[in-house]
Structures are given as structure tokens and as C-alpha cells.
PDB file of N, CA and C in Angstrom:
ATOM      1  N   MET A   1     120.026 108.630 107.900  1.00  0.00           N
ATOM      2  CA  MET A   1     119.466 108.843 106.577  1.00  0.00           C
ATOM      3  C   MET A   1     118.648 110.132 106.604  1.00  0.00           C
ATOM      4  N   SER A   2     119.076 111.111 105.871  1.00  0.00           N
ATOM      5  CA  SER A   2     118.448 112.425 105.937  1.00  0.00           C
ATOM      6  C   SER A   2     117.152 112.527 105.133  1.00  0.00           C
ATOM      7  N   ASP A   3     116.951 111.622 104.160  1.00  0.00           N
ATOM      8  CA  ASP A   3     115.746 111.718 103.345  1.00  0.00           C
ATOM      9  C   ASP A   3     114.613 110.813 103.835  1.00  0.00           C
ATOM     10  N   ALA A   4     114.736 110.287 105.052  1.00  0.00           N
ATOM     11  CA  ALA A   4     113.668 109.452 105.610  1.00  0.00           C
ATOM     12  C   ALA A   4     112.402 110.285 105.799  1.00  0.00           C
ATOM     13  N   LYS A   5     111.290 109.717 105.393  1.00  0.00           N
ATOM     14  CA  LYS A   5     110.023 110.417 105.518  1.00  0.00           C
ATOM     15  C   LYS A   5     109.493 110.252 106.936  1.00  0.00           C
ATOM     16  N   GLU A   6     108.788 111.255 107.389  1.00  0.00           N
ATOM     17  CA  GLU A   6     108.174 111.194 108.714  1.00  0.00           C
ATOM     18  C   GLU A   6     106.661 111.126 108.559  1.00  0.00           C
ATOM     19  N   PHE A   7     106.041 110.269 109.350  1.00  0.00           N
ATOM     20  CA  PHE A   7     104.592 110.125 109.360  1.00  0.00           C
ATOM     21  C   PHE A   7     104.122 110.204 110.796  1.00  0.00           C
ATOM     22  N   ASN A   8     102.845 110.436 110.975  1.00  0.00           N
ATOM     23  CA  ASN A   8     102.239 110.427 112.303  1.00  0.00           C
ATOM     24  C   ASN A   8     101.330 109.222 112.423  1.00  0.00           C
ATOM     25  N   VAL A   9     101.182 108.718 113.643  1.00  0.00           N
ATOM     26  CA  VAL A   9     100.257 107.616 113.877  1.00  0.00           C
ATOM     27  C   VAL A   9      98.870 108.043 113.414  1.00  0.00           C
ATOM     28  N   GLY A  10      98.221 107.193 112.642  1.00  0.00           N
ATOM     29  CA  GLY A  10      96.905 107.507 112.103  1.00  0.00           C
ATOM     30  C   GLY A  10      96.927 108.059 110.687  1.00  0.00           C
ATOM     31  N   ASP A  11      98.122 108.453 110.187  1.00  0.00           N
ATOM     32  CA  ASP A  11      98.225 108.952 108.807  1.00  0.00           C
ATOM     33  C   ASP A  11      97.902 107.834 107.826  1.00  0.00           C
ATOM     34  N   ARG A  12      97.252 108.205 106.717  1.00  0.00           N
ATOM     35  CA  ARG A  12      97.038 107.261 105.616  1.00  0.00           C
ATOM     36  C   ARG A  12      98.265 107.324 104.704  1.00  0.00           C
ATOM     37  N   VAL A  13      98.752 106.146 104.331  1.00  0.00           N
ATOM     38  CA  VAL A  13      99.908 106.062 103.448  1.00  0.00           C
ATOM     39  C   VAL A  13      99.594 105.130 102.280  1.00  0.00           C
ATOM     40  N   ARG A  14     100.345 105.305 101.193  1.00  0.00           N
ATOM     41  CA  ARG A  14     100.161 104.501  99.975  1.00  0.00           C
ATOM     42  C   ARG A  14     101.470 103.807  99.654  1.00  0.00           C
ATOM     43  N   VAL A  15     101.381 102.561  99.205  1.00  0.00           N
ATOM     44  CA  VAL A  15     102.561 101.800  98.781  1.00  0.00           C
ATOM     45  C   VAL A  15     103.002 102.327  97.415  1.00  0.00           C
ATOM     46  N   ILE A  16     104.251 102.813  97.323  1.00  0.00           N
ATOM     47  CA  ILE A  16     104.758 103.355  96.055  1.00  0.00           C
ATOM     48  C   ILE A  16     105.787 102.430  95.393  1.00  0.00           C
ATOM     49  N   ALA A  17     106.241 101.417  96.121  1.00  0.00           N
ATOM     50  CA  ALA A  17     107.158 100.407  95.584  1.00  0.00           C
ATOM     51  C   ALA A  17     107.041  99.176  96.475  1.00  0.00           C
ATOM     52  N   LEU A  18     107.223  98.005  95.891  1.00  0.00           N
ATOM     53  CA  LEU A  18     107.146  96.772  96.678  1.00  0.00           C
ATOM     54  C   LEU A  18     108.548  96.295  97.050  1.00  0.00           C
ATOM     55  N   PRO A  19     108.760  95.983  98.330  1.00  0.00           N
ATOM     56  CA  PRO A  19     110.049  95.424  98.741  1.00  0.00           C
ATOM     57  C   PRO A  19     110.167  93.967  98.272  1.00  0.00           C
ATOM     58  N   ALA A  20     111.338  93.377  98.415  1.00  0.00           N
ATOM     59  CA  ALA A  20     111.549  91.976  98.039  1.00  0.00           C
ATOM     60  C   ALA A  20     110.699  91.041  98.906  1.00  0.00           C
ATOM     61  N   TYR A  21     110.439  91.453 100.136  1.00  0.00           N
ATOM     62  CA  TYR A  21     109.577  90.719 101.059  1.00  0.00           C
ATOM     63  C   TYR A  21     109.012  91.724 102.046  1.00  0.00           C
ATOM     64  N   VAL A  22     107.961  91.332 102.759  1.00  0.00           N
ATOM     65  CA  VAL A  22     107.422  92.192 103.813  1.00  0.00           C
ATOM     66  C   VAL A  22     107.472  91.434 105.128  1.00  0.00           C
ATOM     67  N   LYS A  23     107.600  92.174 106.210  1.00  0.00           N
ATOM     68  CA  LYS A  23     107.661  91.580 107.545  1.00  0.00           C
ATOM     69  C   LYS A  23     106.388  91.947 108.287  1.00  0.00           C
ATOM     70  N   THR A  24     105.760  90.954 108.908  1.00  0.00           N
ATOM     71  CA  THR A  24     104.543  91.223 109.668  1.00  0.00           C
ATOM     72  C   THR A  24     104.880  92.058 110.892  1.00  0.00           C
ATOM     73  N   ALA A  25     103.937  92.902 111.319  1.00  0.00           N
ATOM     74  CA  ALA A  25     104.138  93.759 112.493  1.00  0.00           C
ATOM     75  C   ALA A  25     103.534  93.083 113.718  1.00  0.00           C
ATOM     76  N   GLU A  26     104.091  91.939 114.066  1.00  0.00           N
ATOM     77  CA  GLU A  26     103.613  91.159 115.198  1.00  0.00           C
ATOM     78  C   GLU A  26     104.748  91.024 116.211  1.00  0.00           C
ATOM     79  N   PRO A  27     104.419  90.593 117.444  1.00  0.00           N
ATOM     80  CA  PRO A  27     105.488  90.394 118.437  1.00  0.00           C
ATOM     81  C   PRO A  27     106.578  89.445 117.929  1.00  0.00           C
ATOM     82  N   MET A  28     106.193  88.427 117.151  1.00  0.00           N
ATOM     83  CA  MET A  28     107.151  87.511 116.529  1.00  0.00           C
ATOM     84  C   MET A  28     107.003  87.685 115.012  1.00  0.00           C
ATOM     85  N   PRO A  29     107.701  88.685 114.417  1.00  0.00           N
ATOM     86  CA  PRO A  29     107.520  88.988 112.990  1.00  0.00           C
ATOM     87  C   PRO A  29     107.881  87.812 112.088  1.00  0.00           C
ATOM     88  N   MET A  30     107.137  87.686 110.992  1.00  0.00           N
ATOM     89  CA  MET A  30     107.407  86.663 109.987  1.00  0.00           C
ATOM     90  C   MET A  30     107.591  87.349 108.641  1.00  0.00           C
ATOM     91  N   LEU A  31     108.456  86.783 107.805  1.00  0.00           N
ATOM     92  CA  LEU A  31     108.622  87.306 106.454  1.00  0.00           C
ATOM     93  C   LEU A  31     107.530  86.732 105.568  1.00  0.00           C
ATOM     94  N   ARG A  32     106.970  87.572 104.737  1.00  0.00           N
ATOM     95  CA  ARG A  32     105.913  87.159 103.811  1.00  0.00           C
ATOM     96  C   ARG A  32     106.292  87.622 102.411  1.00  0.00           C
ATOM     97  N   PRO A  33     105.790  86.955 101.376  1.00  0.00           N
ATOM     98  CA  PRO A  33     106.060  87.430 100.015  1.00  0.00           C
ATOM     99  C   PRO A  33     105.400  88.790  99.817  1.00  0.00           C
ATOM    100  N   PRO A  34     105.946  89.611  98.926  1.00  0.00           N
ATOM    101  CA  PRO A  34     105.422  90.972  98.774  1.00  0.00           C
ATOM    102  C   PRO A  34     104.009  91.034  98.205  1.00  0.00           C
ATOM    103  N   ASN A  35     103.495  89.925  97.647  1.00  0.00           N
ATOM    104  CA  ASN A  35     102.168  89.986  97.033  1.00  0.00           C
ATOM    105  C   ASN A  35     101.017  90.029  98.046  1.00  0.00           C
ATOM    106  N   VAL A  36     101.323  90.051  99.356  1.00  0.00           N
ATOM    107  CA  VAL A  36     100.244  90.237 100.338  1.00  0.00           C
ATOM    108  C   VAL A  36      99.757  91.687 100.349  1.00  0.00           C
ATOM    109  N   ILE A  37     100.561  92.588  99.788  1.00  0.00           N
ATOM    110  CA  ILE A  37     100.129  93.970  99.586  1.00  0.00           C
ATOM    111  C   ILE A  37     100.285  94.310  98.114  1.00  0.00           C
ATOM    112  N   GLN A  38      99.531  95.294  97.668  1.00  0.00           N
ATOM    113  CA  GLN A  38      99.549  95.674  96.256  1.00  0.00           C
ATOM    114  C   GLN A  38     100.162  97.057  96.092  1.00  0.00           C
ATOM    115  N   LEU A  39     100.799  97.281  94.968  1.00  0.00           N
ATOM    116  CA  LEU A  39     101.293  98.611  94.628  1.00  0.00           C
ATOM    117  C   LEU A  39     100.090  99.557  94.587  1.00  0.00           C
ATOM    118  N   GLY A  40     100.180 100.675  95.272  1.00  0.00           N
ATOM    119  CA  GLY A  40      99.077 101.627  95.314  1.00  0.00           C
ATOM    120  C   GLY A  40      98.097 101.396  96.450  1.00  0.00           C
ATOM    121  N   GLU A  41      98.241 100.287  97.177  1.00  0.00           N
ATOM    122  CA  GLU A  41      97.342 100.001  98.299  1.00  0.00           C
ATOM    123  C   GLU A  41      97.555 101.030  99.410  1.00  0.00           C
ATOM    124  N   GLU A  42      96.468 101.397 100.067  1.00  0.00           N
ATOM    125  CA  GLU A  42      96.549 102.361 101.158  1.00  0.00           C
ATOM    126  C   GLU A  42      96.388 101.660 102.494  1.00  0.00           C
ATOM    127  N   GLY A  43      97.069 102.218 103.490  1.00  0.00           N
ATOM    128  CA  GLY A  43      96.991 101.693 104.843  1.00  0.00           C
ATOM    129  C   GLY A  43      97.096 102.830 105.830  1.00  0.00           C
ATOM    130  N   VAL A  44      97.039 102.480 107.124  1.00  0.00           N
ATOM    131  CA  VAL A  44      97.087 103.460 108.207  1.00  0.00           C
ATOM    132  C   VAL A  44      98.314 103.182 109.072  1.00  0.00           C
ATOM    133  N   VAL A  45      99.080 104.237 109.369  1.00  0.00           N
ATOM    134  CA  VAL A  45     100.265 104.100 110.209  1.00  0.00           C
ATOM    135  C   VAL A  45      99.836 103.776 111.638  1.00  0.00           C
ATOM    136  N   LEU A  46     100.379 102.663 112.172  1.00  0.00           N
ATOM    137  CA  LEU A  46     100.076 102.244 113.540  1.00  0.00           C
ATOM    138  C   LEU A  46     101.113 102.754 114.527  1.00  0.00           C
ATOM    139  N   ASP A  47     102.403 102.685 114.123  1.00  0.00           N
ATOM    140  CA  ASP A  47     103.476 103.095 115.032  1.00  0.00           C
ATOM    141  C   ASP A  47     104.792 103.210 114.284  1.00  0.00           C
ATOM    142  N   ARG A  48     105.771 103.759 114.999  1.00  0.00           N
ATOM    143  CA  ARG A  48     107.140 103.899 114.484  1.00  0.00           C
ATOM    144  C   ARG A  48     107.966 102.770 115.081  1.00  0.00           C
ATOM    145  N   ARG A  49     108.796 102.138 114.266  1.00  0.00           N
ATOM    146  CA  ARG A  49     109.651 101.054 114.754  1.00  0.00           C
ATOM    147  C   ARG A  49     111.110 101.429 114.549  1.00  0.00           C
ATOM    148  N   PRO A  50     112.009 100.798 115.286  1.00  0.00           N
ATOM    149  CA  PRO A  50     113.435 101.084 115.114  1.00  0.00           C
ATOM    150  C   PRO A  50     113.902 100.786 113.692  1.00  0.00           C
ATOM    151  N   GLY A  51     114.917 101.496 113.238  1.00  0.00           N
ATOM    152  CA  GLY A  51     115.509 101.241 111.931  1.00  0.00           C
ATOM    153  C   GLY A  51     114.774 101.877 110.770  1.00  0.00           C
ATOM    154  N   GLY A  52     113.953 102.887 111.032  1.00  0.00           N
ATOM    155  CA  GLY A  52     113.258 103.570 109.955  1.00  0.00           C
ATOM    156  C   GLY A  52     112.031 102.833 109.435  1.00  0.00           C
ATOM    157  N   PHE A  53     111.534 101.881 110.205  1.00  0.00           N
ATOM    158  CA  PHE A  53     110.343 101.130 109.794  1.00  0.00           C
ATOM    159  C   PHE A  53     109.089 101.698 110.438  1.00  0.00           C
ATOM    160  N   TRP A  54     107.970 101.503 109.740  1.00  0.00           N
ATOM    161  CA  TRP A  54     106.667 101.941 110.220  1.00  0.00           C
ATOM    162  C   TRP A  54     105.728 100.749 110.240  1.00  0.00           C
ATOM    163  N   GLY A  55     104.992 100.602 111.324  1.00  0.00           N
ATOM    164  CA  GLY A  55     103.938  99.592 111.370  1.00  0.00           C
ATOM    165  C   GLY A  55     102.731 100.165 110.637  1.00  0.00           C
ATOM    166  N   VAL A  56     102.264  99.472 109.596  1.00  0.00           N
ATOM    167  CA  VAL A  56     101.160  99.965 108.785  1.00  0.00           C
ATOM    168  C   VAL A  56     100.094  98.877 108.665  1.00  0.00           C
ATOM    169  N   ARG A  57      98.836  99.243 108.953  1.00  0.00           N
ATOM    170  CA  ARG A  57      97.714  98.314 108.826  1.00  0.00           C
ATOM    171  C   ARG A  57      97.157  98.383 107.411  1.00  0.00           C
ATOM    172  N   PHE A  58      97.201  97.241 106.705  1.00  0.00           N
ATOM    173  CA  PHE A  58      96.618  97.109 105.374  1.00  0.00           C
ATOM    174  C   PHE A  58      95.433  96.154 105.461  1.00  0.00           C
ATOM    175  N   ALA A  59      94.752  95.938 104.342  1.00  0.00           N
ATOM    176  CA  ALA A  59      93.577  95.064 104.314  1.00  0.00           C
ATOM    177  C   ALA A  59      93.909  93.645 104.786  1.00  0.00           C
ATOM    178  N   LYS A  60      95.093  93.133 104.439  1.00  0.00           N
ATOM    179  CA  LYS A  60      95.454  91.751 104.782  1.00  0.00           C
ATOM    180  C   LYS A  60      96.317  91.638 106.024  1.00  0.00           C
ATOM    181  N   GLY A  61      96.394  92.705 106.822  1.00  0.00           N
ATOM    182  CA  GLY A  61      97.155  92.634 108.057  1.00  0.00           C
ATOM    183  C   GLY A  61      98.085  93.819 108.237  1.00  0.00           C
ATOM    184  N   ALA A  62      98.834  93.794 109.332  1.00  0.00           N
ATOM    185  CA  ALA A  62      99.768  94.871 109.647  1.00  0.00           C
ATOM    186  C   ALA A  62     101.185  94.416 109.293  1.00  0.00           C
ATOM    187  N   PHE A  63     101.908  95.303 108.611  1.00  0.00           N
ATOM    188  CA  PHE A  63     103.248  94.971 108.155  1.00  0.00           C
ATOM    189  C   PHE A  63     104.213  96.103 108.466  1.00  0.00           C
ATOM    190  N   LEU A  64     105.499  95.762 108.568  1.00  0.00           N
ATOM    191  CA  LEU A  64     106.539  96.760 108.782  1.00  0.00           C
ATOM    192  C   LEU A  64     107.010  97.235 107.426  1.00  0.00           C
ATOM    193  N   MET A  65     106.918  98.537 107.192  1.00  0.00           N
ATOM    194  CA  MET A  65     107.301  99.107 105.907  1.00  0.00           C
ATOM    195  C   MET A  65     108.422 100.122 106.102  1.00  0.00           C
ATOM    196  N   ASP A  66     109.469 100.024 105.297  1.00  0.00           N
ATOM    197  CA  ASP A  66     110.523 101.029 105.281  1.00  0.00           C
ATOM    198  C   ASP A  66     109.937 102.282 104.641  1.00  0.00           C
ATOM    199  N   SER A  67     110.340 103.450 105.107  1.00  0.00           N
ATOM    200  CA  SER A  67     109.766 104.702 104.609  1.00  0.00           C
ATOM    201  C   SER A  67     109.975 104.907 103.103  1.00  0.00           C
ATOM    202  N   GLN A  68     110.975 104.233 102.502  1.00  0.00           N
ATOM    203  CA  GLN A  68     111.188 104.392 101.049  1.00  0.00           C
ATOM    204  C   GLN A  68     110.084 103.743 100.221  1.00  0.00           C
ATOM    205  N   TYR A  69     109.282 102.870 100.824  1.00  0.00           N
ATOM    206  CA  TYR A  69     108.239 102.157 100.078  1.00  0.00           C
ATOM    207  C   TYR A  69     106.844 102.771 100.232  1.00  0.00           C
ATOM    208  N   ILE A  70     106.718 103.798 101.060  1.00  0.00           N
ATOM    209  CA  ILE A  70     105.401 104.398 101.296  1.00  0.00           C
ATOM    210  C   ILE A  70     105.460 105.915 101.197  1.00  0.00           C
ATOM    211  N   GLU A  71     104.303 106.510 100.907  1.00  0.00           N
ATOM    212  CA  GLU A  71     104.187 107.971 100.886  1.00  0.00           C
ATOM    213  C   GLU A  71     102.871 108.339 101.545  1.00  0.00           C
ATOM    214  N   ALA A  72     102.815 109.560 102.067  1.00  0.00           N
ATOM    215  CA  ALA A  72     101.580 110.055 102.678  1.00  0.00           C
ATOM    216  C   ALA A  72     100.520 110.257 101.609  1.00  0.00           C
ATOM    217  N   VAL A  73      99.281 109.935 101.959  1.00  0.00           N
ATOM    218  CA  VAL A  73      98.158 110.174 101.056  1.00  0.00           C
ATOM    219  C   VAL A  73      97.616 111.561 101.358  1.00  0.00           C
ATOM    220  N   SER A  74      97.634 112.440 100.358  1.00  0.00           N
ATOM    221  CA  SER A  74      97.101 113.788 100.564  1.00  0.00           C
ATOM    222  C   SER A  74      95.594 113.775 100.377  1.00  0.00           C
ATOM    223  N   ASN A  75      94.904 114.507 101.214  1.00  0.00           N
ATOM    224  CA  ASN A  75      93.438 114.504 101.163  1.00  0.00           C
ATOM    225  C   ASN A  75      92.944 115.424 100.086  1.00  0.00           C
TER     226      ASN A  75
END
């Protein structure tokens, strides 16, 4: 996928669209309803995961986000 966004660990990102569900960024990931995060909520990139996913820490926990659902927060 050529339009995948790249982020660095520690970057602040904002949710620009909600997926049908979110997956927790834990050793044993669980699916959660998308309402655990809010549209426009900001988080911090923790790591890069296989398949174009990013581990992102939000207020209610760390979740795996596809790059199409997040954007970098400009300072």
C-alpha cells in the first residue's frame, strides 16, 4: 500500500475515523467496540506492528490502529 502513513515512536496522533472495532495492543489482543476511543482523540505512538498497524496509547488503553484511521498531530 503506497499511501500508508509513517509515524515515529512517540509521535502524537489523532483519530480521524473510527473502525468497526478496535483491537487492544496486548500480548493476547482482544476486540473491543469502537466507542472505547473517540473521533478526534489524541494518543501517542508506542510501536509499529505487522500489517500496517500502529500501537497507540489512548486515555482508555493501548490499541492497534490502522494508519488510515489516524493522522499526525502538528504542533
